[in-house]
């Protein structure tokens, strides 16, 4: 049976009304397991309005009280780690162990955000000029948005939401339409942890939803993770509309292989780093840079002082002597 997913708005699940849906697959079977609604412009505008109405109440919480909500959220997610990992795996396809790592890396940012009260302190400078004192105040922006990718459906939404919520903003999440169920469950857990309804909203959608977030003046800041071309588009569009923007595009990560490396271990680590999680990790190694002699392994069957085995031709760099 194919499930029909929803948006999460104002503390409750809300069915889509646009009539447009996307398929959510079970990668283990290659079959459609759910349909996700793709929000229209008017639906996204309603989400923003809901968040804007809820934000002042949340901003009025003192920072310590906001931190306690995040602490409760941490406990709730830890209690549901197994079921959340199974749900994540069922839509993304990564192993249960990888799924738990996905969630845990997101929780680490929530843990950081629990300590936000100290970072929210302003500054005061006496006599910055003759008879002039200077002070700074840190205040919420209002409503901010996160646009997050397929490869880490728990980690990256939590990376965006944690600091935004801890500093008193309302948050609108537009997750990947390919694996939206974990973000929807996280929204429920935030509500259970004591977050006021409407402060954390999930709206599913495609480019129409994204463009609405980028152009609506009530959205004050946007965070994005994804491909470089889309990162550039979102950054340019957001900043052209007067928004703060934090956009992370695709990266090229390099591994440096030193001359004294154990090349058997290097080969194993490079395969894991490059192709683990189907190569979808943001830190996937795409370039290996060998240094010095390690870049020129001897021919097969040749024995030399560096340790090539004449039987199998495998090149092994010497291990460091034991101390």
Protein backbone atom coordinates (compact mmCIF):
# COMPACT_ATOMS: atom_id res chain seq x y z
CA UNK A 1 0.00 0.00 0.00
CA UNK A 2 1.37 3.41 -1.01
CA UNK A 3 1.27 5.94 1.83
CA UNK A 4 0.38 9.59 1.23
CA UNK A 5 2.66 11.93 3.14
CA UNK A 6 1.89 15.45 4.33
CA UNK A 7 3.42 18.77 5.22
CA UNK A 8 3.92 19.66 8.90
CA UNK A 9 2.52 23.12 9.59
CA UNK A 10 1.53 24.80 12.82
CA UNK A 11 2.19 21.69 14.87
CA UNK A 12 0.12 19.28 12.79
CA UNK A 13 0.20 17.21 9.64
CA UNK A 14 -1.47 19.00 6.74
CA UNK A 15 -2.34 17.24 3.46
CA UNK A 16 -1.11 18.82 0.26
CA UNK A 17 -3.66 20.72 -1.84
CA UNK A 18 -1.70 21.42 -5.03
CA UNK A 19 -2.60 18.09 -6.62
CA UNK A 20 1.06 17.51 -7.48
CA UNK A 21 2.94 14.60 -5.94
CA UNK A 22 6.33 12.99 -6.12
CA UNK A 23 7.18 9.33 -5.65
CA UNK A 24 9.16 8.16 -2.63
CA UNK A 25 10.90 4.86 -3.38
CA UNK A 26 12.05 1.99 -1.22
CA UNK A 27 15.63 1.61 -2.56
CA UNK A 28 15.81 -1.94 -1.21
CA UNK A 29 12.98 -3.06 -3.47
CA UNK A 30 12.95 -0.41 -6.18
CA UNK A 31 9.27 0.16 -5.54
CA UNK A 32 7.22 3.25 -4.75
CA UNK A 33 6.30 3.20 -1.06
CA UNK A 34 4.82 6.68 -0.61
CA UNK A 35 3.69 9.83 -2.38
CA UNK A 36 4.86 13.21 -1.15
CA UNK A 37 2.86 16.39 -1.87
CA UNK A 38 4.68 19.13 -3.78
CA UNK A 39 3.56 22.47 -2.40
CA UNK A 40 2.30 25.30 -4.58
CA UNK A 41 3.37 28.90 -4.10
CA UNK A 42 0.24 29.68 -2.09
CA UNK A 43 0.85 26.70 0.20
CA UNK A 44 4.41 27.82 0.91
CA UNK A 45 3.21 31.36 1.57
CA UNK A 46 0.73 29.96 4.11
CA UNK A 47 3.56 28.07 5.84
CA UNK A 48 5.63 31.25 6.05
CA UNK A 49 2.68 33.15 7.49
CA UNK A 50 2.21 30.45 10.12
CA UNK A 51 5.88 30.60 11.09
CA UNK A 52 5.84 34.39 11.20
CA UNK A 53 2.89 34.35 13.63
CA UNK A 54 4.58 31.77 15.88
CA UNK A 55 8.07 33.28 15.97
CA UNK A 56 7.52 36.15 18.47
CA UNK A 57 6.34 33.73 21.14
CA UNK A 58 9.48 31.60 20.69
CA UNK A 59 11.76 34.64 20.59
CA UNK A 60 10.31 35.75 23.93
CA UNK A 61 11.60 32.54 25.57
CA UNK A 62 14.87 33.35 27.29
CA UNK A 63 17.87 31.52 25.77
CA UNK A 64 18.12 29.07 28.66
CA UNK A 65 14.50 28.01 28.22
CA UNK A 66 15.04 27.51 24.49
CA UNK A 67 18.10 25.40 25.30
CA UNK A 68 16.04 23.18 27.60
CA UNK A 69 13.66 22.41 24.72
CA UNK A 70 16.64 21.31 22.63
CA UNK A 71 17.90 19.17 25.52
CA UNK A 72 14.55 17.40 25.69
CA UNK A 73 14.63 16.92 21.92
CA UNK A 74 18.03 15.22 22.21
CA UNK A 75 16.61 12.72 24.68
CA UNK A 76 13.58 11.98 22.51
CA UNK A 77 15.68 11.34 19.41
CA UNK A 78 18.11 9.11 21.30
CA UNK A 79 15.16 7.08 22.58
CA UNK A 80 13.92 6.61 19.01
CA UNK A 81 17.30 6.07 17.37
CA UNK A 82 16.52 2.55 16.13
CA UNK A 83 13.15 3.39 14.61
CA UNK A 84 14.42 6.63 13.08
CA UNK A 85 17.39 4.82 11.53
CA UNK A 86 15.09 2.16 10.07
CA UNK A 87 12.81 4.85 8.62
CA UNK A 88 15.77 6.73 7.15
CA UNK A 89 17.20 3.56 5.63
CA UNK A 90 13.87 2.62 4.10
CA UNK A 91 13.79 5.80 2.00
CA UNK A 92 17.45 6.60 1.45
CA UNK A 93 18.89 3.09 1.26
CA UNK A 94 21.95 3.53 3.48
CA UNK A 95 22.67 0.83 6.02
CA UNK A 96 21.22 1.02 9.53
CA UNK A 97 24.67 1.77 10.95
CA UNK A 98 25.16 4.60 8.46
CA UNK A 99 21.66 5.89 9.18
CA UNK A 100 22.42 6.05 12.89
CA UNK A 101 25.59 7.98 12.09
CA UNK A 102 23.53 10.38 9.95
CA UNK A 103 21.24 11.09 12.91
CA UNK A 104 24.06 11.28 15.46
CA UNK A 105 26.00 13.85 13.45
CA UNK A 106 22.88 16.00 13.40
CA UNK A 107 22.46 15.64 17.15
CA UNK A 108 26.00 16.88 17.68
CA UNK A 109 24.97 20.26 16.31
CA UNK A 110 21.88 20.27 18.52
CA UNK A 111 24.22 19.60 21.45
CA UNK A 112 26.29 22.60 20.38
CA UNK A 113 23.15 24.71 20.12
CA UNK A 114 22.23 23.84 23.72
CA UNK A 115 25.19 26.02 24.72
CA UNK A 116 23.98 28.97 22.65
CA UNK A 117 23.10 31.24 25.64
CA UNK A 118 26.78 32.08 26.14
CA UNK A 119 27.29 32.82 22.43
CA UNK A 120 24.27 35.13 22.37
CA UNK A 121 25.87 37.57 24.78
CA UNK A 122 26.48 40.97 23.27
CA UNK A 123 29.52 43.18 23.73
CA UNK A 124 30.07 46.49 25.52
CA UNK A 125 32.94 48.88 24.95
CA UNK A 126 33.34 51.84 27.29
CA UNK A 127 34.82 55.06 25.87
CA UNK A 128 35.15 53.79 22.31
CA UNK A 129 35.31 57.51 21.51
CA UNK A 130 35.32 60.59 23.66
CA UNK A 131 32.17 60.31 25.73
CA UNK A 132 30.96 57.41 23.59
CA UNK A 133 30.18 53.90 24.76
CA UNK A 134 29.40 51.16 22.23
CA UNK A 135 27.31 48.03 22.76
CA UNK A 136 25.98 45.24 20.56
CA UNK A 137 22.83 43.15 20.83
CA UNK A 138 22.14 39.75 19.26
CA UNK A 139 18.51 39.31 18.25
CA UNK A 140 16.56 36.76 16.17
CA UNK A 141 16.09 37.49 12.49
CA UNK A 142 12.52 36.18 12.34
CA UNK A 143 11.67 33.37 9.92
CA UNK A 144 14.54 31.48 8.29
CA UNK A 145 14.58 28.53 5.90
CA UNK A 146 16.64 25.41 5.23
CA UNK A 147 16.76 23.66 1.85
CA UNK A 148 18.37 20.28 2.35
CA UNK A 149 19.51 17.37 0.14
CA UNK A 150 18.80 13.67 -0.31
CA UNK A 151 22.05 12.23 0.99
CA UNK A 152 21.68 13.12 4.70
CA UNK A 153 17.97 13.49 5.50
CA UNK A 154 18.52 13.84 9.27
CA UNK A 155 21.97 15.35 9.70
CA UNK A 156 21.71 18.38 7.44
CA UNK A 157 18.20 19.49 8.48
CA UNK A 158 19.37 19.34 12.11
CA UNK A 159 22.53 21.27 11.24
CA UNK A 160 20.35 24.06 9.89
CA UNK A 161 17.55 23.92 12.44
CA UNK A 162 19.57 23.69 15.67
CA UNK A 163 21.31 27.10 15.62
CA UNK A 164 18.29 28.77 14.01
CA UNK A 165 15.92 27.60 16.73
CA UNK A 166 18.35 28.17 19.59
CA UNK A 167 18.70 31.82 18.59
CA UNK A 168 14.94 32.42 18.61
CA UNK A 169 14.01 32.12 14.96
CA UNK A 170 11.14 30.19 13.40
CA UNK A 171 12.35 27.61 10.90
CA UNK A 172 10.85 26.43 7.61
CA UNK A 173 12.43 23.24 6.29
CA UNK A 174 12.15 22.22 2.65
CA UNK A 175 13.70 18.73 2.69
CA UNK A 176 14.47 16.55 -0.30
CA UNK A 177 11.26 15.22 -1.74
CA UNK A 178 12.99 11.84 -2.16
CA UNK A 179 13.26 11.02 1.57
CA UNK A 180 11.01 13.35 3.61
CA UNK A 181 9.71 11.02 6.33
CA UNK A 182 12.53 11.50 8.86
CA UNK A 183 12.23 15.32 8.72
CA UNK A 184 8.48 14.97 9.32
CA UNK A 185 9.13 12.76 12.35
CA UNK A 186 11.74 15.19 13.67
CA UNK A 187 9.11 17.93 13.50
CA UNK A 188 6.82 15.83 15.69
CA UNK A 189 9.62 15.27 18.20
CA UNK A 190 10.40 19.01 18.37
CA UNK A 191 6.77 19.62 19.22
CA UNK A 192 6.86 16.89 21.88
CA UNK A 193 10.00 18.46 23.32
CA UNK A 194 8.14 21.71 24.00
CA UNK A 195 8.74 23.77 20.86
CA UNK A 196 5.69 25.99 20.26
CA UNK A 197 3.52 24.95 17.31
CA UNK A 198 4.53 26.72 14.11
CA UNK A 199 8.15 27.35 15.07
CA UNK A 200 9.38 24.30 13.12
CA UNK A 201 7.52 23.66 9.88
CA UNK A 202 8.19 21.16 7.09
CA UNK A 203 6.98 21.96 3.59
CA UNK A 204 7.63 19.47 0.81
CA UNK A 205 8.07 20.64 -2.72
CA UNK A 206 10.17 21.19 -5.82
CA UNK A 207 11.55 24.29 -7.53
CA UNK A 208 8.28 26.20 -7.12
CA UNK A 209 8.50 25.82 -3.35
CA UNK A 210 12.18 26.77 -3.31
CA UNK A 211 11.63 29.87 -5.43
CA UNK A 212 8.81 30.99 -3.16
CA UNK A 213 11.12 30.77 -0.15
CA UNK A 214 13.82 32.69 -2.01
CA UNK A 215 11.57 35.54 -3.08
CA UNK A 216 9.27 35.98 -0.08
CA UNK A 217 10.45 38.99 1.99
CA UNK A 218 9.32 37.34 5.24
CA UNK A 219 12.14 34.78 4.90
CA UNK A 220 15.18 36.56 6.30
CA UNK A 221 17.88 33.92 5.75
CA UNK A 222 18.38 30.70 3.78
CA UNK A 223 20.71 27.76 4.35
CA UNK A 224 21.38 25.25 1.57
CA UNK A 225 23.44 22.11 0.93
CA UNK A 226 23.55 20.52 -2.52
CA UNK A 227 25.19 20.68 -5.92
CA UNK A 228 27.38 23.62 -6.91
CA UNK A 229 25.10 24.95 -9.72
CA UNK A 230 22.05 24.96 -7.45
CA UNK A 231 24.06 26.46 -4.59
CA UNK A 232 25.06 29.32 -6.89
CA UNK A 233 21.45 29.82 -8.01
CA UNK A 234 20.11 29.88 -4.47
CA UNK A 235 22.86 32.20 -3.23
CA UNK A 236 22.39 34.66 -6.07
CA UNK A 237 18.60 34.64 -5.80
CA UNK A 238 18.51 34.89 -2.01
CA UNK A 239 21.02 37.73 -1.77
CA UNK A 240 19.33 39.59 -4.65
CA UNK A 241 16.21 39.56 -2.46
CA UNK A 242 18.04 40.93 0.56
CA UNK A 243 18.43 37.66 2.46
CA UNK A 244 21.38 36.23 4.29
CA UNK A 245 22.49 33.06 2.54
CA UNK A 246 24.74 30.16 3.52
CA UNK A 247 25.16 27.79 0.60
CA UNK A 248 27.38 24.72 0.47
CA UNK A 249 27.96 23.29 -3.00
CA UNK A 250 29.79 20.16 -4.15
CA UNK A 251 33.37 19.80 -2.98
CA UNK A 252 36.52 18.02 -4.16
CA UNK A 253 38.21 16.37 -1.21
CA UNK A 254 41.80 15.20 -1.42
CA UNK A 255 43.69 12.44 0.41
CA UNK A 256 47.46 12.80 0.67
CA UNK A 257 49.31 9.48 0.67
CA UNK A 258 52.69 9.84 2.37
CA UNK A 259 55.76 7.73 1.44
CA UNK A 260 55.65 5.73 4.68
CA UNK A 261 51.97 4.77 4.32
CA UNK A 262 50.81 1.15 4.44
CA UNK A 263 49.42 0.92 0.91
CA UNK A 264 47.21 -2.07 1.67
CA UNK A 265 45.51 0.04 4.31
CA UNK A 266 45.49 3.09 2.02
CA UNK A 267 43.69 1.15 -0.72
CA UNK A 268 41.06 -0.04 1.73
CA UNK A 269 40.54 3.44 3.18
CA UNK A 270 40.32 5.13 -0.23
CA UNK A 271 37.63 2.71 -1.38
CA UNK A 272 35.63 3.32 1.79
CA UNK A 273 36.06 7.10 1.61
CA UNK A 274 35.24 7.33 -2.08
CA UNK A 275 32.40 4.85 -2.38
CA UNK A 276 30.90 4.47 1.10
CA UNK A 277 27.23 5.43 1.12
CA UNK A 278 27.35 5.08 -2.68
CA UNK A 279 29.74 8.04 -2.87
CA UNK A 280 27.05 10.40 -1.55
CA UNK A 281 28.91 11.72 1.47
CA UNK A 282 29.84 15.39 1.28
CA UNK A 283 33.37 14.42 2.34
CA UNK A 284 33.74 11.61 -0.19
CA UNK A 285 37.36 11.43 -1.38
CA UNK A 286 37.54 12.12 -5.11
CA UNK A 287 41.29 12.76 -5.48
CA UNK A 288 44.29 10.87 -4.06
CA UNK A 289 47.66 12.66 -4.10
CA UNK A 290 50.65 10.30 -3.68
CA UNK A 291 53.83 11.91 -2.35
CA UNK A 292 57.38 10.95 -3.33
CA UNK A 293 58.28 7.32 -3.91
CA UNK A 294 54.80 6.10 -3.09
CA UNK A 295 53.64 7.42 -6.46
CA UNK A 296 55.81 4.91 -8.33
CA UNK A 297 55.21 1.35 -7.14
CA UNK A 298 57.70 -1.22 -8.58
CA UNK A 299 56.64 -3.56 -11.39
CA UNK A 300 54.92 -6.85 -10.58
CA UNK A 301 57.32 -9.56 -9.43
CA UNK A 302 60.22 -7.20 -8.74
CA UNK A 303 61.82 -7.41 -5.30
CA UNK A 304 63.27 -4.26 -3.78
CA UNK A 305 64.11 -2.74 -0.49
CA UNK A 306 60.67 -1.14 -0.22
CA UNK A 307 59.01 -4.51 0.27
CA UNK A 308 57.48 -5.69 -3.02
CA UNK A 309 56.57 -9.36 -2.81
CA UNK A 310 57.99 -11.26 -5.79
CA UNK A 311 55.15 -13.81 -5.54
CA UNK A 312 52.19 -11.50 -5.83
CA UNK A 313 53.79 -8.24 -6.92
CA UNK A 314 51.96 -6.29 -4.26
CA UNK A 315 53.80 -3.19 -3.14
CA UNK A 316 54.01 -2.53 0.59
CA UNK A 317 55.56 0.53 2.13
CA UNK A 318 57.58 -0.28 5.26
CA UNK A 319 55.92 0.14 8.61
CA UNK A 320 57.40 2.55 11.11
CA UNK A 321 59.69 0.78 13.58
CA UNK A 322 58.23 -0.04 16.96
CA UNK A 323 59.49 2.10 19.81
